[in-house]
Every structure is written in structure tokens, then in C-alpha cells.
Full PDB file with SEQRES, HELIX, SHEET, SSBOND, CRYST1, ORIGX, SCALE, CONECT and MASTER records, all heavy atoms in Angstrom:
SEQRES   1 A   37  ASP THR ALA ARG ALA ILE ALA ASN LEU GLY VAL ASP MET          
SEQRES   2 A   37  ILE ILE THR GLY GLU ALA LYS TYR SER PRO ASP THR ILE          
SEQRES   3 A   37  LYS SER ILE VAL GLU THR VAL GLN ALA ASN GLY                  
HELIX    1 AA1 THR A    2  ALA A    7  1                                   6    
HELIX    2 AA2 GLY A   17  ALA A   19  5                                   3    
HELIX    3 AA3 PRO A   23  ALA A   35  1                                  13    
CRYST1    1.000    1.000    1.000  90.00  90.00  90.00 P 1           1          
ORIGX1      1.000000  0.000000  0.000000        0.00000                         
ORIGX2      0.000000  1.000000  0.000000        0.00000                         
ORIGX3      0.000000  0.000000  1.000000        0.00000                         
SCALE1      1.000000  0.000000  0.000000        0.00000                         
SCALE2      0.000000  1.000000  0.000000        0.00000                         
SCALE3      0.000000  0.000000  1.000000        0.00000                         
ATOM      1  N   ASP A   1       0.859  -1.137  -0.005  1.00  0.00           N  
ATOM      2  CA  ASP A   1       0.006   0.013   0.026  1.00  0.00           C  
ATOM      3  C   ASP A   1       0.899   1.309   0.022  1.00  0.00           C  
ATOM      4  O   ASP A   1       0.545   2.258  -0.677  1.00  0.00           O  
ATOM      5  CB  ASP A   1      -1.008   0.014   1.227  1.00  0.00           C  
ATOM      6  CG  ASP A   1      -2.057  -1.012   1.082  1.00  0.00           C  
ATOM      7  OD1 ASP A   1      -2.434  -1.393  -0.097  1.00  0.00           O  
ATOM      8  OD2 ASP A   1      -2.632  -1.316   2.091  1.00  0.00           O  
ATOM      9  N   THR A   2       1.930   1.215   0.768  1.00  0.00           N  
ATOM     10  CA  THR A   2       2.833   2.428   0.746  1.00  0.00           C  
ATOM     11  C   THR A   2       3.568   2.514  -0.547  1.00  0.00           C  
ATOM     12  O   THR A   2       3.637   3.690  -1.102  1.00  0.00           O  
ATOM     13  CB  THR A   2       3.923   2.196   1.883  1.00  0.00           C  
ATOM     14  OG1 THR A   2       3.137   2.117   3.147  1.00  0.00           O  
ATOM     15  CG2 THR A   2       4.764   3.412   1.964  1.00  0.00           C  
ATOM     16  N   ALA A   3       3.960   1.410  -1.086  1.00  0.00           N  
ATOM     17  CA  ALA A   3       4.696   1.489  -2.465  1.00  0.00           C  
ATOM     18  C   ALA A   3       3.646   2.088  -3.531  1.00  0.00           C  
ATOM     19  O   ALA A   3       4.071   2.952  -4.298  1.00  0.00           O  
ATOM     20  CB  ALA A   3       5.076   0.082  -2.934  1.00  0.00           C  
ATOM     21  N   ARG A   4       2.379   1.705  -3.435  1.00  0.00           N  
ATOM     22  CA  ARG A   4       1.478   2.212  -4.435  1.00  0.00           C  
ATOM     23  C   ARG A   4       1.163   3.780  -4.156  1.00  0.00           C  
ATOM     24  O   ARG A   4       0.994   4.443  -5.141  1.00  0.00           O  
ATOM     25  CB  ARG A   4       0.079   1.509  -4.286  1.00  0.00           C  
ATOM     26  CG  ARG A   4       0.041   0.142  -5.000  1.00  0.00           C  
ATOM     27  CD  ARG A   4      -1.389  -0.377  -5.060  1.00  0.00           C  
ATOM     28  NE  ARG A   4      -1.292  -1.865  -5.075  1.00  0.00           N  
ATOM     29  CZ  ARG A   4      -1.341  -2.650  -4.069  1.00  0.00           C  
ATOM     30  NH1 ARG A   4      -1.371  -2.209  -2.755  1.00  0.00           N  
ATOM     31  NH2 ARG A   4      -1.214  -3.971  -4.289  1.00  0.00           N  
ATOM     32  N   ALA A   5       1.153   4.131  -2.883  1.00  0.00           N  
ATOM     33  CA  ALA A   5       1.004   5.540  -2.529  1.00  0.00           C  
ATOM     34  C   ALA A   5       2.176   6.330  -3.118  1.00  0.00           C  
ATOM     35  O   ALA A   5       1.976   7.441  -3.653  1.00  0.00           O  
ATOM     36  CB  ALA A   5       0.794   5.734  -1.109  1.00  0.00           C  
ATOM     37  N   ILE A   6       3.365   5.866  -2.954  1.00  0.00           N  
ATOM     38  CA  ILE A   6       4.468   6.522  -3.478  1.00  0.00           C  
ATOM     39  C   ILE A   6       4.526   6.583  -4.961  1.00  0.00           C  
ATOM     40  O   ILE A   6       4.772   7.658  -5.550  1.00  0.00           O  
ATOM     41  CB  ILE A   6       5.756   5.855  -2.966  1.00  0.00           C  
ATOM     42  CG1 ILE A   6       5.933   6.015  -1.448  1.00  0.00           C  
ATOM     43  CG2 ILE A   6       7.010   6.412  -3.670  1.00  0.00           C  
ATOM     44  CD1 ILE A   6       6.988   5.152  -0.821  1.00  0.00           C  
ATOM     45  N   ALA A   7       4.065   5.433  -5.581  1.00  0.00           N  
ATOM     46  CA  ALA A   7       3.927   5.474  -7.110  1.00  0.00           C  
ATOM     47  C   ALA A   7       2.971   6.493  -7.586  1.00  0.00           C  
ATOM     48  O   ALA A   7       3.123   6.992  -8.660  1.00  0.00           O  
ATOM     49  CB  ALA A   7       3.533   3.997  -7.553  1.00  0.00           C  
ATOM     50  N   ASN A   8       1.930   6.828  -6.785  1.00  0.00           N  
ATOM     51  CA  ASN A   8       0.954   7.726  -7.189  1.00  0.00           C  
ATOM     52  C   ASN A   8       1.497   9.150  -7.396  1.00  0.00           C  
ATOM     53  O   ASN A   8       0.893  10.073  -7.905  1.00  0.00           O  
ATOM     54  CB  ASN A   8      -0.299   7.732  -6.254  1.00  0.00           C  
ATOM     55  CG  ASN A   8      -1.340   6.793  -6.715  1.00  0.00           C  
ATOM     56  OD1 ASN A   8      -1.722   6.760  -7.906  1.00  0.00           O  
ATOM     57  ND2 ASN A   8      -1.998   6.025  -5.753  1.00  0.00           N  
ATOM     58  N   LEU A   9       2.769   9.327  -6.744  1.00  0.00           N  
ATOM     59  CA  LEU A   9       3.282  10.688  -6.759  1.00  0.00           C  
ATOM     60  C   LEU A   9       4.078  10.935  -8.040  1.00  0.00           C  
ATOM     61  O   LEU A   9       4.640  12.006  -8.258  1.00  0.00           O  
ATOM     62  CB  LEU A   9       4.210  10.837  -5.576  1.00  0.00           C  
ATOM     63  CG  LEU A   9       3.547  10.812  -4.162  1.00  0.00           C  
ATOM     64  CD1 LEU A   9       4.505  10.799  -3.123  1.00  0.00           C  
ATOM     65  CD2 LEU A   9       2.446  11.848  -4.063  1.00  0.00           C  
ATOM     66  N   GLY A  10       4.151   9.906  -8.984  1.00  0.00           N  
ATOM     67  CA  GLY A  10       4.806  10.068 -10.154  1.00  0.00           C  
ATOM     68  C   GLY A  10       6.339   9.958 -10.108  1.00  0.00           C  
ATOM     69  O   GLY A  10       7.040  10.390 -11.004  1.00  0.00           O  
ATOM     70  N   VAL A  11       6.792   9.330  -9.159  1.00  0.00           N  
ATOM     71  CA  VAL A  11       8.286   9.170  -8.892  1.00  0.00           C  
ATOM     72  C   VAL A  11       8.806   8.026  -9.733  1.00  0.00           C  
ATOM     73  O   VAL A  11       8.047   7.171 -10.184  1.00  0.00           O  
ATOM     74  CB  VAL A  11       8.676   8.982  -7.420  1.00  0.00           C  
ATOM     75  CG1 VAL A  11       8.169  10.103  -6.559  1.00  0.00           C  
ATOM     76  CG2 VAL A  11       8.062   7.626  -6.901  1.00  0.00           C  
ATOM     77  N   ASP A  12      10.178   7.964  -9.862  1.00  0.00           N  
ATOM     78  CA  ASP A  12      10.769   6.816 -10.417  1.00  0.00           C  
ATOM     79  C   ASP A  12      11.081   5.869  -9.310  1.00  0.00           C  
ATOM     80  O   ASP A  12      11.493   6.329  -8.200  1.00  0.00           O  
ATOM     81  CB  ASP A  12      12.166   7.181 -11.054  1.00  0.00           C  
ATOM     82  CG  ASP A  12      11.827   8.134 -12.405  1.00  0.00           C  
ATOM     83  OD1 ASP A  12      10.749   8.176 -12.825  1.00  0.00           O  
ATOM     84  OD2 ASP A  12      12.840   8.706 -12.756  1.00  0.00           O  
ATOM     85  N   MET A  13      10.885   4.435  -9.502  1.00  0.00           N  
ATOM     86  CA  MET A  13      11.089   3.507  -8.493  1.00  0.00           C  
ATOM     87  C   MET A  13      11.995   2.400  -8.966  1.00  0.00           C  
ATOM     88  O   MET A  13      11.999   2.084 -10.111  1.00  0.00           O  
ATOM     89  CB  MET A  13       9.681   3.027  -8.080  1.00  0.00           C  
ATOM     90  CG  MET A  13       8.781   4.038  -7.448  1.00  0.00           C  
ATOM     91  SD  MET A  13       7.177   3.272  -7.120  1.00  0.00           S  
ATOM     92  CE  MET A  13       7.597   2.511  -5.494  1.00  0.00           C  
ATOM     93  N   ILE A  14      12.535   1.746  -7.944  1.00  0.00           N  
ATOM     94  CA  ILE A  14      13.272   0.498  -8.122  1.00  0.00           C  
ATOM     95  C   ILE A  14      12.734  -0.498  -7.159  1.00  0.00           C  
ATOM     96  O   ILE A  14      12.710  -0.200  -5.957  1.00  0.00           O  
ATOM     97  CB  ILE A  14      14.772   0.575  -7.934  1.00  0.00           C  
ATOM     98  CG1 ILE A  14      15.373   1.613  -8.931  1.00  0.00           C  
ATOM     99  CG2 ILE A  14      15.439  -0.801  -8.152  1.00  0.00           C  
ATOM    100  CD1 ILE A  14      16.755   1.885  -8.720  1.00  0.00           C  
ATOM    101  N   ILE A  15      12.159  -1.662  -7.691  1.00  0.00           N  
ATOM    102  CA  ILE A  15      11.632  -2.674  -6.849  1.00  0.00           C  
ATOM    103  C   ILE A  15      12.725  -3.821  -6.909  1.00  0.00           C  
ATOM    104  O   ILE A  15      12.811  -4.515  -7.937  1.00  0.00           O  
ATOM    105  CB  ILE A  15      10.232  -3.206  -7.284  1.00  0.00           C  
ATOM    106  CG1 ILE A  15       9.218  -1.997  -7.366  1.00  0.00           C  
ATOM    107  CG2 ILE A  15       9.753  -4.365  -6.366  1.00  0.00           C  
ATOM    108  CD1 ILE A  15       8.885  -1.410  -6.105  1.00  0.00           C  
ATOM    109  N   THR A  16      13.346  -4.083  -5.781  1.00  0.00           N  
ATOM    110  CA  THR A  16      14.260  -5.148  -5.715  1.00  0.00           C  
ATOM    111  C   THR A  16      13.635  -6.492  -5.301  1.00  0.00           C  
ATOM    112  O   THR A  16      12.476  -6.509  -4.906  1.00  0.00           O  
ATOM    113  CB  THR A  16      15.433  -4.907  -4.733  1.00  0.00           C  
ATOM    114  OG1 THR A  16      14.818  -4.851  -3.387  1.00  0.00           O  
ATOM    115  CG2 THR A  16      16.019  -3.547  -5.008  1.00  0.00           C  
ATOM    116  N   GLY A  17      14.333  -7.628  -5.414  1.00  0.00           N  
ATOM    117  CA  GLY A  17      13.830  -8.896  -5.160  1.00  0.00           C  
ATOM    118  C   GLY A  17      13.550  -8.988  -3.624  1.00  0.00           C  
ATOM    119  O   GLY A  17      12.725  -9.797  -3.186  1.00  0.00           O  
ATOM    120  N   GLU A  18      14.274  -8.163  -2.819  1.00  0.00           N  
ATOM    121  CA  GLU A  18      14.013  -8.150  -1.433  1.00  0.00           C  
ATOM    122  C   GLU A  18      12.640  -7.771  -1.046  1.00  0.00           C  
ATOM    123  O   GLU A  18      12.133  -8.016   0.045  1.00  0.00           O  
ATOM    124  CB  GLU A  18      15.126  -7.249  -0.674  1.00  0.00           C  
ATOM    125  CG  GLU A  18      16.465  -7.772  -0.817  1.00  0.00           C  
ATOM    126  CD  GLU A  18      17.520  -6.713  -0.269  1.00  0.00           C  
ATOM    127  OE1 GLU A  18      17.036  -5.702   0.280  1.00  0.00           O  
ATOM    128  OE2 GLU A  18      18.692  -7.073  -0.549  1.00  0.00           O  
ATOM    129  N   ALA A  19      11.932  -6.985  -1.856  1.00  0.00           N  
ATOM    130  CA  ALA A  19      10.621  -6.491  -1.543  1.00  0.00           C  
ATOM    131  C   ALA A  19       9.595  -7.736  -1.424  1.00  0.00           C  
ATOM    132  O   ALA A  19       8.679  -7.689  -0.641  1.00  0.00           O  
ATOM    133  CB  ALA A  19      10.090  -5.527  -2.576  1.00  0.00           C  
ATOM    134  N   LYS A  20       9.844  -8.715  -2.245  1.00  0.00           N  
ATOM    135  CA  LYS A  20       9.042 -10.021  -2.265  1.00  0.00           C  
ATOM    136  C   LYS A  20       7.478  -9.639  -2.428  1.00  0.00           C  
ATOM    137  O   LYS A  20       6.705 -10.306  -1.839  1.00  0.00           O  
ATOM    138  CB  LYS A  20       9.363 -10.822  -1.083  1.00  0.00           C  
ATOM    139  CG  LYS A  20      10.728 -11.298  -1.042  1.00  0.00           C  
ATOM    140  CD  LYS A  20      11.056 -12.120   0.221  1.00  0.00           C  
ATOM    141  CE  LYS A  20      12.426 -12.599   0.220  1.00  0.00           C  
ATOM    142  NZ  LYS A  20      12.857 -13.405   1.332  1.00  0.00           N  
ATOM    143  N   TYR A  21       7.218  -8.719  -3.303  1.00  0.00           N  
ATOM    144  CA  TYR A  21       5.774  -8.440  -3.543  1.00  0.00           C  
ATOM    145  C   TYR A  21       5.280  -9.635  -4.524  1.00  0.00           C  
ATOM    146  O   TYR A  21       5.989 -10.162  -5.301  1.00  0.00           O  
ATOM    147  CB  TYR A  21       5.703  -7.170  -4.257  1.00  0.00           C  
ATOM    148  CG  TYR A  21       6.032  -5.970  -3.560  1.00  0.00           C  
ATOM    149  CD1 TYR A  21       6.732  -4.902  -4.063  1.00  0.00           C  
ATOM    150  CD2 TYR A  21       5.634  -5.839  -2.150  1.00  0.00           C  
ATOM    151  CE1 TYR A  21       7.101  -3.709  -3.333  1.00  0.00           C  
ATOM    152  CE2 TYR A  21       6.041  -4.706  -1.386  1.00  0.00           C  
ATOM    153  CZ  TYR A  21       6.718  -3.663  -2.040  1.00  0.00           C  
ATOM    154  OH  TYR A  21       7.098  -2.575  -1.337  1.00  0.00           O  
ATOM    155  N   SER A  22       3.967  -9.808  -4.340  1.00  0.00           N  
ATOM    156  CA  SER A  22       3.349 -10.747  -5.230  1.00  0.00           C  
ATOM    157  C   SER A  22       3.277 -10.316  -6.631  1.00  0.00           C  
ATOM    158  O   SER A  22       3.357  -9.026  -6.795  1.00  0.00           O  
ATOM    159  CB  SER A  22       2.005 -11.062  -4.724  1.00  0.00           C  
ATOM    160  OG  SER A  22       1.139  -9.920  -4.977  1.00  0.00           O  
ATOM    161  N   PRO A  23       3.080 -11.206  -7.554  1.00  0.00           N  
ATOM    162  CA  PRO A  23       3.004 -10.738  -9.016  1.00  0.00           C  
ATOM    163  C   PRO A  23       1.869  -9.708  -9.186  1.00  0.00           C  
ATOM    164  O   PRO A  23       2.028  -8.782 -10.004  1.00  0.00           O  
ATOM    165  CB  PRO A  23       2.724 -12.108  -9.794  1.00  0.00           C  
ATOM    166  CG  PRO A  23       3.467 -13.081  -8.913  1.00  0.00           C  
ATOM    167  CD  PRO A  23       3.213 -12.659  -7.485  1.00  0.00           C  
ATOM    168  N   ASP A  24       0.710  -9.970  -8.523  1.00  0.00           N  
ATOM    169  CA  ASP A  24      -0.419  -9.006  -8.701  1.00  0.00           C  
ATOM    170  C   ASP A  24      -0.026  -7.766  -8.122  1.00  0.00           C  
ATOM    171  O   ASP A  24      -0.413  -6.648  -8.670  1.00  0.00           O  
ATOM    172  CB  ASP A  24      -1.702  -9.569  -7.931  1.00  0.00           C  
ATOM    173  CG  ASP A  24      -2.318 -10.669  -8.799  1.00  0.00           C  
ATOM    174  OD1 ASP A  24      -2.007 -10.855 -10.043  1.00  0.00           O  
ATOM    175  OD2 ASP A  24      -3.084 -11.426  -8.221  1.00  0.00           O  
ATOM    176  N   THR A  25       0.701  -7.572  -7.057  1.00  0.00           N  
ATOM    177  CA  THR A  25       1.122  -6.361  -6.449  1.00  0.00           C  
ATOM    178  C   THR A  25       2.035  -5.557  -7.344  1.00  0.00           C  
ATOM    179  O   THR A  25       1.851  -4.357  -7.589  1.00  0.00           O  
ATOM    180  CB  THR A  25       1.727  -6.540  -5.023  1.00  0.00           C  
ATOM    181  OG1 THR A  25       0.769  -7.110  -4.200  1.00  0.00           O  
ATOM    182  CG2 THR A  25       2.349  -5.309  -4.469  1.00  0.00           C  
ATOM    183  N   ILE A  26       3.097  -6.366  -7.864  1.00  0.00           N  
ATOM    184  CA  ILE A  26       3.977  -5.740  -8.879  1.00  0.00           C  
ATOM    185  C   ILE A  26       3.250  -5.206 -10.030  1.00  0.00           C  
ATOM    186  O   ILE A  26       3.578  -3.995 -10.448  1.00  0.00           O  
ATOM    187  CB  ILE A  26       5.009  -6.717  -9.167  1.00  0.00           C  
ATOM    188  CG1 ILE A  26       6.035  -7.022  -8.064  1.00  0.00           C  
ATOM    189  CG2 ILE A  26       5.861  -6.292 -10.445  1.00  0.00           C  
ATOM    190  CD1 ILE A  26       6.902  -5.854  -7.723  1.00  0.00           C  
ATOM    191  N   LYS A  27       2.390  -5.940 -10.651  1.00  0.00           N  
ATOM    192  CA  LYS A  27       1.639  -5.436 -11.827  1.00  0.00           C  
ATOM    193  C   LYS A  27       0.836  -4.227 -11.356  1.00  0.00           C  
ATOM    194  O   LYS A  27       0.811  -3.156 -12.176  1.00  0.00           O  
ATOM    195  CB  LYS A  27       0.685  -6.560 -12.257  1.00  0.00           C  
ATOM    196  CG  LYS A  27       1.320  -7.621 -12.872  1.00  0.00           C  
ATOM    197  CD  LYS A  27       0.301  -8.760 -13.350  1.00  0.00           C  
ATOM    198  CE  LYS A  27       0.904 -10.083 -13.478  1.00  0.00           C  
ATOM    199  NZ  LYS A  27      -0.072 -11.092 -13.691  1.00  0.00           N  
ATOM    200  N   SER A  28       0.254  -4.136 -10.214  1.00  0.00           N  
ATOM    201  CA  SER A  28      -0.446  -2.932  -9.850  1.00  0.00           C  
ATOM    202  C   SER A  28       0.393  -1.767  -9.691  1.00  0.00           C  
ATOM    203  O   SER A  28       0.027  -0.585 -10.069  1.00  0.00           O  
ATOM    204  CB  SER A  28      -1.243  -3.299  -8.529  1.00  0.00           C  
ATOM    205  OG  SER A  28      -1.864  -2.148  -7.988  1.00  0.00           O  
ATOM    206  N   ILE A  29       1.579  -1.911  -9.032  1.00  0.00           N  
ATOM    207  CA  ILE A  29       2.555  -0.827  -8.902  1.00  0.00           C  
ATOM    208  C   ILE A  29       3.057  -0.321 -10.156  1.00  0.00           C  
ATOM    209  O   ILE A  29       3.081   0.911 -10.418  1.00  0.00           O  
ATOM    210  CB  ILE A  29       3.646  -1.251  -7.933  1.00  0.00           C  
ATOM    211  CG1 ILE A  29       3.120  -1.527  -6.526  1.00  0.00           C  
ATOM    212  CG2 ILE A  29       4.769  -0.221  -7.923  1.00  0.00           C  
ATOM    213  CD1 ILE A  29       4.093  -2.250  -5.581  1.00  0.00           C  
ATOM    214  N   VAL A  30       3.384  -1.169 -11.047  1.00  0.00           N  
ATOM    215  CA  VAL A  30       3.740  -0.802 -12.365  1.00  0.00           C  
ATOM    216  C   VAL A  30       2.789  -0.043 -13.226  1.00  0.00           C  
ATOM    217  O   VAL A  30       2.982   0.968 -13.875  1.00  0.00           O  
ATOM    218  CB  VAL A  30       4.225  -2.101 -13.248  1.00  0.00           C  
ATOM    219  CG1 VAL A  30       4.465  -1.726 -14.798  1.00  0.00           C  
ATOM    220  CG2 VAL A  30       5.477  -2.735 -12.693  1.00  0.00           C  
ATOM    221  N   GLU A  31       1.499  -0.461 -13.067  1.00  0.00           N  
ATOM    222  CA  GLU A  31       0.382   0.217 -13.694  1.00  0.00           C  
ATOM    223  C   GLU A  31       0.278   1.617 -13.158  1.00  0.00           C  
ATOM    224  O   GLU A  31       0.032   2.602 -13.930  1.00  0.00           O  
ATOM    225  CB  GLU A  31      -0.887  -0.548 -13.478  1.00  0.00           C  
ATOM    226  CG  GLU A  31      -2.095   0.025 -14.247  1.00  0.00           C  
ATOM    227  CD  GLU A  31      -3.315  -0.905 -14.119  1.00  0.00           C  
ATOM    228  OE1 GLU A  31      -3.596  -1.425 -13.031  1.00  0.00           O  
ATOM    229  OE2 GLU A  31      -4.084  -1.032 -15.099  1.00  0.00           O  
ATOM    230  N   THR A  32       0.454   1.772 -11.822  1.00  0.00           N  
ATOM    231  CA  THR A  32       0.308   3.094 -11.175  1.00  0.00           C  
ATOM    232  C   THR A  32       1.414   4.024 -11.584  1.00  0.00           C  
ATOM    233  O   THR A  32       1.207   5.135 -12.054  1.00  0.00           O  
ATOM    234  CB  THR A  32       0.281   2.950  -9.654  1.00  0.00           C  
ATOM    235  OG1 THR A  32      -0.805   2.115  -9.251  1.00  0.00           O  
ATOM    236  CG2 THR A  32       0.177   4.197  -8.962  1.00  0.00           C  
ATOM    237  N   VAL A  33       2.675   3.480 -11.637  1.00  0.00           N  
ATOM    238  CA  VAL A  33       3.732   4.346 -12.110  1.00  0.00           C  
ATOM    239  C   VAL A  33       3.660   4.811 -13.496  1.00  0.00           C  
ATOM    240  O   VAL A  33       3.850   5.841 -13.812  1.00  0.00           O  
ATOM    241  CB  VAL A  33       5.119   3.479 -11.950  1.00  0.00           C  
ATOM    242  CG1 VAL A  33       6.250   4.146 -12.583  1.00  0.00           C  
ATOM    243  CG2 VAL A  33       5.433   3.230 -10.487  1.00  0.00           C  
ATOM    244  N   GLN A  34       3.138   3.820 -14.356  1.00  0.00           N  
ATOM    245  CA  GLN A  34       3.019   4.164 -15.787  1.00  0.00           C  
ATOM    246  C   GLN A  34       1.971   5.198 -16.003  1.00  0.00           C  
ATOM    247  O   GLN A  34       2.152   6.031 -16.718  1.00  0.00           O  
ATOM    248  CB  GLN A  34       2.647   2.830 -16.592  1.00  0.00           C  
ATOM    249  CG  GLN A  34       2.597   3.053 -18.100  1.00  0.00           C  
ATOM    250  CD  GLN A  34       1.193   3.492 -18.575  1.00  0.00           C  
ATOM    251  OE1 GLN A  34       0.204   3.390 -17.916  1.00  0.00           O  
ATOM    252  NE2 GLN A  34       1.202   3.951 -19.859  1.00  0.00           N  
ATOM    253  N   ALA A  35       0.852   5.060 -15.238  1.00  0.00           N  
ATOM    254  CA  ALA A  35      -0.239   6.048 -15.373  1.00  0.00           C  
ATOM    255  C   ALA A  35       0.191   7.482 -14.904  1.00  0.00           C  
ATOM    256  O   ALA A  35      -0.459   8.481 -15.359  1.00  0.00           O  
ATOM    257  CB  ALA A  35      -1.433   5.569 -14.503  1.00  0.00           C  
ATOM    258  N   ASN A  36       1.119   7.420 -13.972  1.00  0.00           N  
ATOM    259  CA  ASN A  36       1.553   8.803 -13.383  1.00  0.00           C  
ATOM    260  C   ASN A  36       2.787   9.380 -14.087  1.00  0.00           C  
ATOM    261  O   ASN A  36       3.427  10.325 -13.611  1.00  0.00           O  
ATOM    262  CB  ASN A  36       1.765   8.648 -11.976  1.00  0.00           C  
ATOM    263  CG  ASN A  36       0.399   8.664 -11.238  1.00  0.00           C  
ATOM    264  OD1 ASN A  36      -0.308   9.586 -11.128  1.00  0.00           O  
ATOM    265  ND2 ASN A  36       0.001   7.391 -10.754  1.00  0.00           N  
ATOM    266  N   GLY A  37       3.255   8.714 -15.175  1.00  0.00           N  
ATOM    267  CA  GLY A  37       4.375   9.190 -15.931  1.00  0.00           C  
ATOM    268  C   GLY A  37       5.791   8.937 -15.420  1.00  0.00           C  
ATOM    269  O   GLY A  37       6.754   9.540 -15.813  1.00  0.00           O  
TER     270      GLY A  37                                                      
MASTER        0    0    0    3    0    0    0    6  269    1    0    3          
END                                                                             
């Protein structure tokens, strides 16, 4: 949820393997980053 909130700010992000997000979570975060430029 925090990662998605940060993504909504339009920032550039790096998600490492240590985050261990589920595939659905990663897809959601990527979609948010893309939508916010």
C-alpha cells in the first residue's frame, strides 16, 4: 500500500527482489507508475 501511494506521486522507483511483492502487487504498482508518468 505504501509503495502504491509513493507510485501515485509520479516518482521513479526500483523494486528489488528483497521486496518480495506478489505478482499481482507488482503489476498494480507498475500500472500506477506508468499512469503517473
